[in-house]
Amino acid sequence: MKIAIIGAGYVGLVTGVCLADFGHDVVCIDKDQCRIDALNRGEIPIYEPGLADLVKANAGAGRLSFSVELRDAVAGAEVVFIAVGTPSRRGDGHADLTYVFAVAREVADAVDGFTVVVTKSTVPVGTGDEVARIIANTNPEADVAVVSNPEFLREGAAIEDFKRPDRIVVGIEEERARSVMNEVYRPLYLNQAPIMFTGRRTAELIKYAANAFLAMKITFINEVADLCEATGADVQQVARGIGLDNRIGSKFLHAGPGYGGSCFPKDTLALVKIGQDFESPMRLVETTVAINDQRKRAMARKVIASCGGDVRGKTIGVLGLTFKPNTDDMREAPSIDIIQGLMDKGAHVVAYDPQGMDSARELLPKEVDYADSAYEAAIDADALVLITEWNEFRSLDLGRLKLSMKSAVLVDLRNVYRYDEVARHGFAYASIGRHGDSRGTSEAQAAE
């Protein structure tokens, strides 16, 4: 099939590359000429494991191309995916649909023959109705079916998620779109990936409901972790004990500094606004948003307490800046609030992240210094704080770290280490939801 993807950001690029790898003829379109030029040179603007190799293979095979020209690509396409950003709107938290609606108008003028227009972007309930209205008003002769096909991609595992999905959700209002979407995803039939056809509004809400539920799971276990600290229980054993119940499951029950990233923060906030717009308040989600915001700031206070209650003039080494491992995404990362909180109290921060430091420089205070390794970040540090659980931080040489640090204090906000192994090297150790005599093994080492 001939497919046009509008938007060559994270979702659009992964979608386009994977569809090309299925054998479709795909053009990815973006208004950013520099981004398109870089992609045509084989330079990938985001870090996602395996993505660069797939781009090279499919571009080389002639199935994948990149362009700033929308009209020709859309006119020749059977399916057009809208995969532009829907950030939180400044001031009120609603999803900003400016880019989605602008693309809808351009698509309306460019389509030729029956075309399925798919909203891949995460959009509020009713957006597909508005896209259909815009296209009809812009070009009454346009023969289109507007479909909702939300993405469920985890950063760091996006290619695997696309090719081996738990489910594919397709929201349609016209039956003739069903066969087209079946053909788009036909290569996945061998993997027996279930395609769930629903109404368009239902599909739009499924995406928000899924992300909000996962965010609530994270927030729940974080509150349980606080209770564990107060009572002397072990949050990792609690998480395992409840996660073995198959009605609950073990995923997203790893206590930490709060959720971040490009999806959960904006999608939970957008769902709150959707509920308000339809006079059906999402009170659990509202509380989740508030608790998560507070938690990030609380983690800075936890570090300060581990340093004796005062960090003024002290050097704090920070390991991990991105919101999760295997990505360079710094959006809403807990590290931002934690580092700002430490610096507000007079600390000097030296940070290291395997992939995120270029992005971090644009978001963190300019006074932050950056190291070339975890060991360099620890030199003369009064404390070391592990924020993001990259694999290279899981087996650090604790003896080497202690020798280079001014004070042997380790604050592990991901529960990567055990108390006994850290104490054996002479560290003062603080973790999440565990007391000093905890012997539970680290469930945080299981990938989400």
Protein backbone atom coordinates (compact mmCIF):
# COMPACT_ATOMS: atom_id res chain seq x y z
CA MET A 1 0.00 0.00 0.00
CA LYS A 2 1.02 3.62 -0.49
CA ILE A 3 1.05 5.39 2.87
CA ALA A 4 1.81 8.97 3.87
CA ILE A 5 2.85 9.80 7.43
CA ILE A 6 2.51 13.46 8.37
CA GLY A 7 4.86 14.27 11.20
CA ALA A 8 8.35 12.75 11.44
CA GLY A 9 8.65 12.99 15.21
CA TYR A 10 8.78 10.03 17.55
CA VAL A 11 5.41 8.46 16.74
CA GLY A 12 5.41 9.32 13.05
CA LEU A 13 8.94 8.12 12.44
CA VAL A 14 8.52 4.81 14.28
CA THR A 15 5.16 4.21 12.58
CA GLY A 16 6.51 5.02 9.13
CA VAL A 17 9.65 2.94 9.48
CA CYS A 18 7.80 -0.11 10.81
CA LEU A 19 5.12 0.07 8.12
CA ALA A 20 7.85 0.31 5.48
CA ASP A 21 9.51 -2.71 7.06
CA PHE A 22 6.19 -4.56 6.57
CA GLY A 23 6.56 -3.90 2.84
CA HIS A 24 4.40 -0.81 2.41
CA ASP A 25 5.55 2.19 0.35
CA VAL A 26 5.86 4.98 2.93
CA VAL A 27 6.60 8.70 2.71
CA CYS A 28 7.22 10.58 5.97
CA ILE A 29 6.44 14.29 5.70
CA ASP A 30 7.55 17.06 8.05
CA LYS A 31 7.70 20.86 7.73
CA ASP A 32 11.10 20.92 9.44
CA GLN A 33 13.50 21.00 6.49
CA CYS A 34 16.52 20.40 8.72
CA ARG A 35 14.92 17.26 10.17
CA ILE A 36 14.06 15.94 6.72
CA ASP A 37 17.55 16.69 5.39
CA ALA A 38 19.06 14.86 8.35
CA LEU A 39 16.81 11.84 7.83
CA ASN A 40 17.72 11.73 4.15
CA ARG A 41 21.36 11.62 5.24
CA GLY A 42 20.55 8.73 7.56
CA GLU A 43 20.81 10.82 10.73
CA ILE A 44 18.13 9.95 13.29
CA PRO A 45 16.86 12.89 15.40
CA ILE A 46 15.82 10.71 18.36
CA TYR A 47 17.42 7.86 20.24
CA GLU A 48 15.42 4.66 19.94
CA PRO A 49 17.18 1.27 19.93
CA GLY A 50 17.13 -0.33 16.47
CA LEU A 51 15.53 2.61 14.69
CA ALA A 52 18.60 3.78 12.78
CA ASP A 53 19.17 0.33 11.28
CA LEU A 54 15.55 0.06 10.14
CA VAL A 55 15.65 3.50 8.53
CA LYS A 56 18.81 2.62 6.65
CA ALA A 57 17.48 -0.75 5.47
CA ASN A 58 14.10 0.49 4.28
CA ALA A 59 15.33 3.72 2.73
CA GLY A 60 17.95 1.67 0.91
CA ALA A 61 15.26 -0.71 -0.34
CA GLY A 62 13.23 2.22 -1.69
CA ARG A 63 10.24 1.61 0.58
CA LEU A 64 10.85 4.64 2.83
CA SER A 65 11.42 8.26 1.90
CA PHE A 66 11.29 11.65 3.60
CA SER A 67 9.96 14.93 2.26
CA VAL A 68 8.64 18.38 3.16
CA GLU A 69 6.18 18.25 0.26
CA LEU A 70 2.77 17.15 1.54
CA ARG A 71 0.59 17.52 -1.56
CA ASP A 72 2.17 14.94 -3.85
CA ALA A 73 2.64 12.39 -1.08
CA VAL A 74 -0.99 12.66 0.07
CA ALA A 75 -2.39 12.64 -3.45
CA GLY A 76 -0.69 9.33 -4.15
CA ALA A 77 -1.57 7.70 -0.82
CA GLU A 78 -4.30 5.24 0.04
CA VAL A 79 -3.84 5.93 3.75
CA VAL A 80 -2.69 9.16 5.42
CA PHE A 81 -1.58 9.05 9.05
CA ILE A 82 -1.65 12.27 11.08
CA ALA A 83 1.15 11.95 13.63
CA VAL A 84 1.87 15.52 14.69
CA GLY A 85 2.32 16.70 18.27
CA THR A 86 -0.54 17.38 20.68
CA PRO A 87 1.27 19.07 23.59
CA SER A 88 -0.50 20.43 26.65
CA ARG A 89 -1.88 23.85 25.85
CA ARG A 90 -0.34 26.62 27.89
CA GLY A 91 -2.56 27.98 30.59
CA ASP A 92 -5.30 25.35 30.76
CA GLY A 93 -3.78 21.89 30.19
CA HIS A 94 -6.02 20.92 27.27
CA ALA A 95 -4.38 19.06 24.41
CA ASP A 96 -3.30 21.58 21.78
CA LEU A 97 -4.85 20.43 18.50
CA THR A 98 -3.54 23.31 16.40
CA TYR A 99 -1.21 21.09 14.39
CA VAL A 100 -3.79 18.32 13.90
CA PHE A 101 -6.39 20.70 12.51
CA ALA A 102 -3.86 22.50 10.29
CA VAL A 103 -2.82 19.16 8.78
CA ALA A 104 -6.48 18.22 8.25
CA ARG A 105 -6.95 21.33 6.09
CA GLU A 106 -3.84 20.57 4.05
CA VAL A 107 -4.86 16.96 3.58
CA ALA A 108 -8.34 18.02 2.43
CA ASP A 109 -6.83 20.04 -0.40
CA ALA A 110 -4.44 17.26 -1.44
CA VAL A 111 -6.41 13.99 -1.37
CA ASP A 112 -7.19 12.31 -4.68
CA GLY A 113 -9.73 9.49 -4.69
CA PHE A 114 -10.92 7.53 -1.69
CA THR A 115 -8.45 7.99 1.17
CA VAL A 116 -8.46 6.81 4.76
CA VAL A 117 -7.21 9.59 7.04
CA VAL A 118 -5.95 8.19 10.34
CA THR A 119 -5.33 10.17 13.52
CA LYS A 120 -2.29 8.50 15.10
CA SER A 121 -1.69 11.43 17.41
CA THR A 122 -3.16 11.21 20.89
CA VAL A 123 -6.27 13.37 20.68
CA PRO A 124 -9.26 14.12 22.93
CA VAL A 125 -12.62 12.47 22.42
CA GLY A 126 -14.42 14.00 19.47
CA THR A 127 -11.30 15.13 17.60
CA GLY A 128 -11.96 12.70 14.75
CA ASP A 129 -15.40 14.25 14.32
CA GLU A 130 -13.80 17.67 14.02
CA VAL A 131 -11.15 16.43 11.57
CA ALA A 132 -13.91 14.99 9.40
CA ARG A 133 -15.82 18.28 9.57
CA ILE A 134 -12.73 20.33 8.66
CA ILE A 135 -11.97 18.13 5.66
CA ALA A 136 -15.58 18.27 4.45
CA ASN A 137 -15.75 22.05 4.81
CA THR A 138 -12.35 22.62 3.21
CA ASN A 139 -12.99 20.32 0.26
CA PRO A 140 -16.60 19.12 -0.12
CA GLU A 141 -15.48 16.84 -2.95
CA ALA A 142 -12.96 14.97 -0.79
CA ASP A 143 -13.78 11.27 -0.48
CA VAL A 144 -12.32 10.32 2.89
CA ALA A 145 -13.01 8.15 5.91
CA VAL A 146 -11.53 9.47 9.14
CA VAL A 147 -10.22 6.78 11.50
CA SER A 148 -8.72 6.82 15.00
CA ASN A 149 -5.73 4.49 15.46
CA PRO A 150 -3.97 5.44 18.72
CA GLU A 151 -0.39 4.40 19.32
CA PHE A 152 0.76 2.32 22.29
CA LEU A 153 4.53 2.63 22.01
CA ARG A 154 6.92 2.56 24.94
CA GLU A 155 9.97 4.71 24.40
CA GLY A 156 12.98 2.44 24.38
CA ALA A 157 10.92 -0.50 23.10
CA ALA A 158 8.85 1.15 20.38
CA ILE A 159 9.83 -1.10 17.48
CA GLU A 160 9.05 -4.25 19.44
CA ASP A 161 5.74 -2.73 20.55
CA PHE A 162 4.76 -1.84 16.99
CA LYS A 163 5.66 -5.23 15.54
CA ARG A 164 4.35 -7.34 18.43
CA PRO A 165 1.53 -5.29 19.89
CA ASP A 166 -0.80 -6.35 22.67
CA ARG A 167 -3.62 -5.00 20.53
CA ILE A 168 -4.34 -2.66 17.64
CA VAL A 169 -7.22 -0.29 18.29
CA VAL A 170 -9.03 1.10 15.24
CA GLY A 171 -11.96 3.47 15.61
CA ILE A 172 -14.16 3.75 12.50
CA GLU A 173 -17.47 5.31 11.53
CA GLU A 174 -17.55 3.95 7.95
CA GLU A 175 -17.33 0.24 7.17
CA ARG A 176 -15.33 0.81 4.00
CA ALA A 177 -12.38 1.88 6.20
CA ARG A 178 -12.29 -1.54 7.87
CA SER A 179 -10.79 -3.44 4.93
CA VAL A 180 -8.21 -0.71 4.35
CA MET A 181 -7.00 -0.80 7.94
CA ASN A 182 -6.98 -4.58 7.91
CA GLU A 183 -4.68 -4.41 4.91
CA VAL A 184 -2.37 -1.91 6.63
CA TYR A 185 -1.84 -4.31 9.54
CA ARG A 186 -2.15 -7.58 7.62
CA PRO A 187 1.58 -8.41 8.15
CA LEU A 188 0.86 -8.67 11.88
CA TYR A 189 -1.64 -11.50 11.41
CA LEU A 190 1.20 -14.03 11.73
CA ASN A 191 1.83 -12.69 15.22
CA GLN A 192 -1.89 -13.02 15.95
CA ALA A 193 -2.07 -9.42 17.10
CA PRO A 194 -5.73 -8.69 17.85
CA ILE A 195 -7.26 -5.82 15.89
CA MET A 196 -10.04 -4.25 17.91
CA PHE A 197 -12.53 -2.25 15.83
CA THR A 198 -14.58 0.26 17.79
CA GLY A 199 -16.36 3.53 17.27
CA ARG A 200 -14.05 6.48 16.68
CA ARG A 201 -14.74 8.19 20.00
CA THR A 202 -14.23 4.93 21.87
CA ALA A 203 -10.80 4.47 20.30
CA GLU A 204 -9.82 8.01 21.24
CA LEU A 205 -10.79 7.40 24.86
CA ILE A 206 -9.06 4.00 25.07
CA LYS A 207 -5.69 5.69 24.62
CA TYR A 208 -6.24 8.19 27.42
CA ALA A 209 -7.78 5.62 29.73
CA ALA A 210 -4.84 3.24 29.26
CA ASN A 211 -2.21 5.85 30.00
CA ALA A 212 -4.13 7.23 32.97
CA PHE A 213 -4.53 3.77 34.47
CA LEU A 214 -0.81 3.05 34.20
CA ALA A 215 0.00 6.44 35.70
CA MET A 216 -2.35 5.67 38.59
CA LYS A 217 -0.59 2.33 39.14
CA ILE A 218 2.76 4.06 39.41
CA THR A 219 1.35 6.69 41.74
CA PHE A 220 -0.35 4.07 43.89
CA ILE A 221 2.83 2.10 44.50
CA ASN A 222 4.72 5.33 45.21
CA GLU A 223 2.23 6.16 47.95
CA VAL A 224 2.51 2.60 49.25
CA ALA A 225 6.28 3.11 49.32
CA ASP A 226 5.84 6.13 51.59
CA LEU A 227 3.66 4.02 53.88
CA CYS A 228 6.28 1.27 53.86
CA GLU A 229 8.92 3.74 55.01
CA ALA A 230 6.64 4.87 57.82
CA THR A 231 5.76 1.36 58.97
CA GLY A 232 8.98 -0.56 58.35
CA ALA A 233 7.60 -2.66 55.50
CA ASP A 234 9.35 -3.35 52.17
CA VAL A 235 7.66 -1.89 49.10
CA GLN A 236 9.34 -4.34 46.73
CA GLN A 237 7.96 -7.30 48.58
CA VAL A 238 4.57 -5.60 48.80
CA ALA A 239 4.66 -4.99 45.04
CA ARG A 240 5.58 -8.60 44.39
CA GLY A 241 2.89 -9.82 46.74
CA ILE A 242 0.14 -7.89 45.00
CA GLY A 243 1.59 -8.24 41.51
CA LEU A 244 1.36 -12.02 41.63
CA ASP A 245 -2.40 -11.57 41.63
CA ASN A 246 -3.12 -11.84 37.89
CA ARG A 247 -5.96 -9.36 38.26
CA ILE A 248 -3.33 -6.77 39.16
CA GLY A 249 -0.12 -7.86 37.44
CA SER A 250 3.46 -6.84 38.23
CA LYS A 251 4.05 -4.17 35.58
CA PHE A 252 4.22 -0.51 36.62
CA LEU A 253 4.49 -1.41 40.29
CA HIS A 254 8.08 -0.21 40.73
CA ALA A 255 8.33 2.59 43.29
CA GLY A 256 10.40 5.57 42.23
CA PRO A 257 10.56 9.35 41.89
CA GLY A 258 7.34 9.71 39.87
CA TYR A 259 6.38 9.34 36.22
CA GLY A 260 7.47 11.63 33.42
CA GLY A 261 7.93 11.52 29.66
CA SER A 262 6.00 12.65 26.64
CA CYS A 263 2.77 10.77 27.36
CA PHE A 264 1.68 10.24 30.95
CA PRO A 265 1.96 13.85 32.19
CA LYS A 266 0.16 15.46 29.26
CA ASP A 267 -2.36 12.64 28.77
CA THR A 268 -3.46 12.48 32.40
CA LEU A 269 -3.87 16.26 32.40
CA ALA A 270 -5.78 16.15 29.11
CA LEU A 271 -8.11 13.43 30.45
CA VAL A 272 -8.87 15.61 33.46
CA LYS A 273 -9.81 18.42 31.08
CA ILE A 274 -11.93 16.10 28.92
CA GLY A 275 -13.83 15.03 32.02
CA GLN A 276 -14.43 18.65 32.96
CA ASP A 277 -15.60 19.51 29.45
CA PHE A 278 -18.16 16.69 29.52
CA GLU A 279 -19.12 17.38 33.16
CA SER A 280 -17.89 13.93 34.16
CA PRO A 281 -14.96 14.63 36.48
CA MET A 282 -12.03 12.20 36.62
CA ARG A 283 -11.28 12.58 40.31
CA LEU A 284 -8.83 9.69 40.60
CA VAL A 285 -6.83 11.07 37.69
CA GLU A 286 -6.91 14.58 39.14
CA THR A 287 -5.44 13.23 42.36
CA THR A 288 -2.84 11.20 40.46
CA VAL A 289 -1.62 14.34 38.67
CA ALA A 290 -1.33 16.28 41.92
CA ILE A 291 0.46 13.49 43.81
CA ASN A 292 2.96 12.94 41.01
CA ASP A 293 3.82 16.63 40.81
CA GLN A 294 4.39 16.74 44.57
CA ARG A 295 6.48 13.57 44.55
CA LYS A 296 9.16 14.92 42.27
CA ARG A 297 9.77 17.85 44.60
CA ALA A 298 9.69 15.49 47.60
CA MET A 299 12.57 13.49 46.10
CA ALA A 300 14.83 16.55 46.32
CA ARG A 301 13.95 16.80 50.01
CA LYS A 302 14.77 13.10 50.42
CA VAL A 303 18.24 13.68 48.99
CA ILE A 304 18.78 16.70 51.24
CA ALA A 305 17.73 14.68 54.30
CA SER A 306 20.22 11.95 53.33
CA CYS A 307 22.92 14.62 53.30
CA GLY A 308 22.22 15.63 56.90
CA GLY A 309 19.54 18.18 56.09
CA ASP A 310 21.77 20.69 54.30
CA VAL A 311 23.32 20.63 50.81
CA ARG A 312 24.51 24.23 50.60
CA GLY A 313 27.99 24.20 49.12
CA LYS A 314 27.92 20.45 48.62
CA THR A 315 28.46 18.61 45.34
CA ILE A 316 25.77 16.13 44.34
CA GLY A 317 26.46 13.64 41.57
CA VAL A 318 23.36 12.69 39.58
CA LEU A 319 23.15 9.47 37.58
CA GLY A 320 20.40 9.41 34.96
CA LEU A 321 18.50 12.38 33.59
CA THR A 322 15.99 11.02 31.08
CA PHE A 323 12.55 10.02 32.32
CA LYS A 324 13.36 6.34 31.69
CA PRO A 325 16.24 4.29 30.26
CA ASN A 326 16.85 3.68 26.54
CA THR A 327 15.65 7.08 25.41
CA ASP A 328 17.03 10.60 25.15
CA ASP A 329 13.66 12.08 26.13
CA MET A 330 13.84 14.64 28.94
CA ARG A 331 10.22 15.77 28.79
CA GLU A 332 8.76 16.03 32.32
CA ALA A 333 11.63 13.93 33.66
CA PRO A 334 11.75 13.74 37.48
CA SER A 335 15.41 14.74 37.30
CA ILE A 336 14.42 18.28 36.30
CA ASP A 337 12.51 19.01 39.51
CA ILE A 338 14.97 17.09 41.68
CA ILE A 339 17.99 18.96 40.36
CA GLN A 340 16.24 22.31 40.58
CA GLY A 341 15.23 21.55 44.16
CA LEU A 342 18.81 20.69 45.08
CA MET A 343 20.21 23.79 43.43
CA ASP A 344 17.60 25.99 45.10
CA LYS A 345 19.12 24.82 48.40
CA GLY A 346 22.64 25.70 47.30
CA ALA A 347 23.94 22.40 45.92
CA HIS A 348 26.35 22.08 43.02
CA VAL A 349 25.17 19.34 40.64
CA VAL A 350 27.33 17.19 38.38
CA ALA A 351 25.20 14.98 36.13
CA TYR A 352 25.70 12.08 33.77
CA ASP A 353 23.30 10.29 31.43
CA PRO A 354 24.22 7.88 28.61
CA GLN A 355 21.93 9.55 26.04
CA GLY A 356 20.12 12.53 27.51
CA MET A 357 22.73 15.19 28.20
CA ASP A 358 22.26 17.17 24.99
CA SER A 359 18.54 17.45 25.69
CA ALA A 360 19.22 18.14 29.37
CA ARG A 361 21.38 21.15 28.59
CA GLU A 362 18.34 22.85 27.07
CA LEU A 363 16.14 22.20 30.13
CA LEU A 364 18.35 22.26 33.21
CA PRO A 365 19.97 25.33 34.79
CA LYS A 366 23.15 26.38 33.05
CA GLU A 367 25.08 25.96 36.32
CA VAL A 368 24.77 22.16 36.08
CA ASP A 369 28.04 20.49 35.13
CA TYR A 370 28.13 17.31 33.06
CA ALA A 371 30.41 14.30 33.41
CA ASP A 372 31.52 11.72 30.85
CA SER A 373 30.75 8.73 33.07
CA ALA A 374 29.16 7.70 36.33
CA TYR A 375 32.60 7.52 37.93
CA GLU A 376 33.49 11.05 36.84
CA ALA A 377 30.19 12.33 38.28
CA ALA A 378 31.18 10.81 41.64
CA ILE A 379 34.56 12.55 41.94
CA ASP A 380 34.60 14.67 45.14
CA ALA A 381 30.82 14.31 45.46
CA ASP A 382 29.17 14.58 48.86
CA ALA A 383 26.39 12.29 47.64
CA LEU A 384 25.47 10.30 44.56
CA VAL A 385 21.83 10.14 43.44
CA LEU A 386 20.59 7.45 41.04
CA ILE A 387 17.50 8.78 39.25
CA THR A 388 17.23 6.77 36.01
CA GLU A 389 17.96 3.04 36.03
CA TRP A 390 20.13 2.69 32.93
CA ASN A 391 21.71 -0.76 32.69
CA GLU A 392 25.21 0.65 33.12
CA PHE A 393 24.24 1.91 36.58
CA ARG A 394 23.12 -1.51 37.85
CA SER A 395 26.55 -2.97 38.57
CA LEU A 396 28.74 0.00 39.42
CA ASP A 397 32.04 -0.64 41.20
CA LEU A 398 30.97 0.64 44.61
CA GLY A 399 34.49 0.44 45.99
CA ARG A 400 35.79 2.65 43.20
CA LEU A 401 32.95 5.11 43.74
CA LYS A 402 33.63 5.37 47.47
CA LEU A 403 37.31 6.07 46.93
CA SER A 404 36.56 9.02 44.64
CA MET A 405 33.74 10.57 46.68
CA LYS A 406 34.08 13.12 49.47
CA SER A 407 31.29 11.45 51.46
CA ALA A 408 29.98 7.94 50.85
CA VAL A 409 26.25 8.67 50.48
CA LEU A 410 24.15 6.87 47.87
CA VAL A 411 20.51 7.81 47.29
CA ASP A 412 18.93 5.16 45.08
CA LEU A 413 15.59 6.44 43.78
CA ARG A 414 15.02 3.29 41.68
CA ASN A 415 15.87 0.59 44.25
CA VAL A 416 18.52 -0.87 41.96
CA TYR A 417 20.80 -1.92 44.83
CA ARG A 418 20.40 -3.92 48.04
CA TYR A 419 21.20 -2.48 51.42
CA ASP A 420 23.65 -5.24 52.34
CA GLU A 421 25.85 -4.86 49.26
CA VAL A 422 25.97 -1.06 49.56
CA ALA A 423 26.61 -1.13 53.34
CA ARG A 424 29.43 -3.60 52.82
CA HIS A 425 31.31 -0.88 50.95
CA GLY A 426 30.75 1.67 53.71
CA PHE A 427 28.00 3.74 52.13
CA ALA A 428 25.16 5.48 53.87
CA TYR A 429 22.27 4.30 51.72
CA ALA A 430 18.75 5.57 51.13
CA SER A 431 16.20 3.98 48.80
CA ILE A 432 12.45 4.09 48.17
CA GLY A 433 10.04 2.32 50.50
CA ARG A 434 12.68 0.16 52.18
CA HIS A 435 14.39 0.31 55.57
CA GLY A 436 18.05 -0.33 56.25
CA ASP A 437 17.48 -3.95 57.18
CA SER A 438 15.64 -4.72 53.93
CA ARG A 439 16.90 -7.79 52.12
CA GLY A 440 14.39 -7.78 49.26
CA THR A 441 15.79 -8.19 45.79
CA SER A 442 15.29 -5.43 43.28
CA GLU A 443 12.07 -5.77 41.33
CA ALA A 444 13.02 -2.51 39.61
CA GLN A 445 15.41 -4.53 37.48
CA ALA A 446 12.47 -5.97 35.57
CA ALA A 447 11.87 -3.93 32.42
CA GLU A 448 8.43 -2.47 31.91
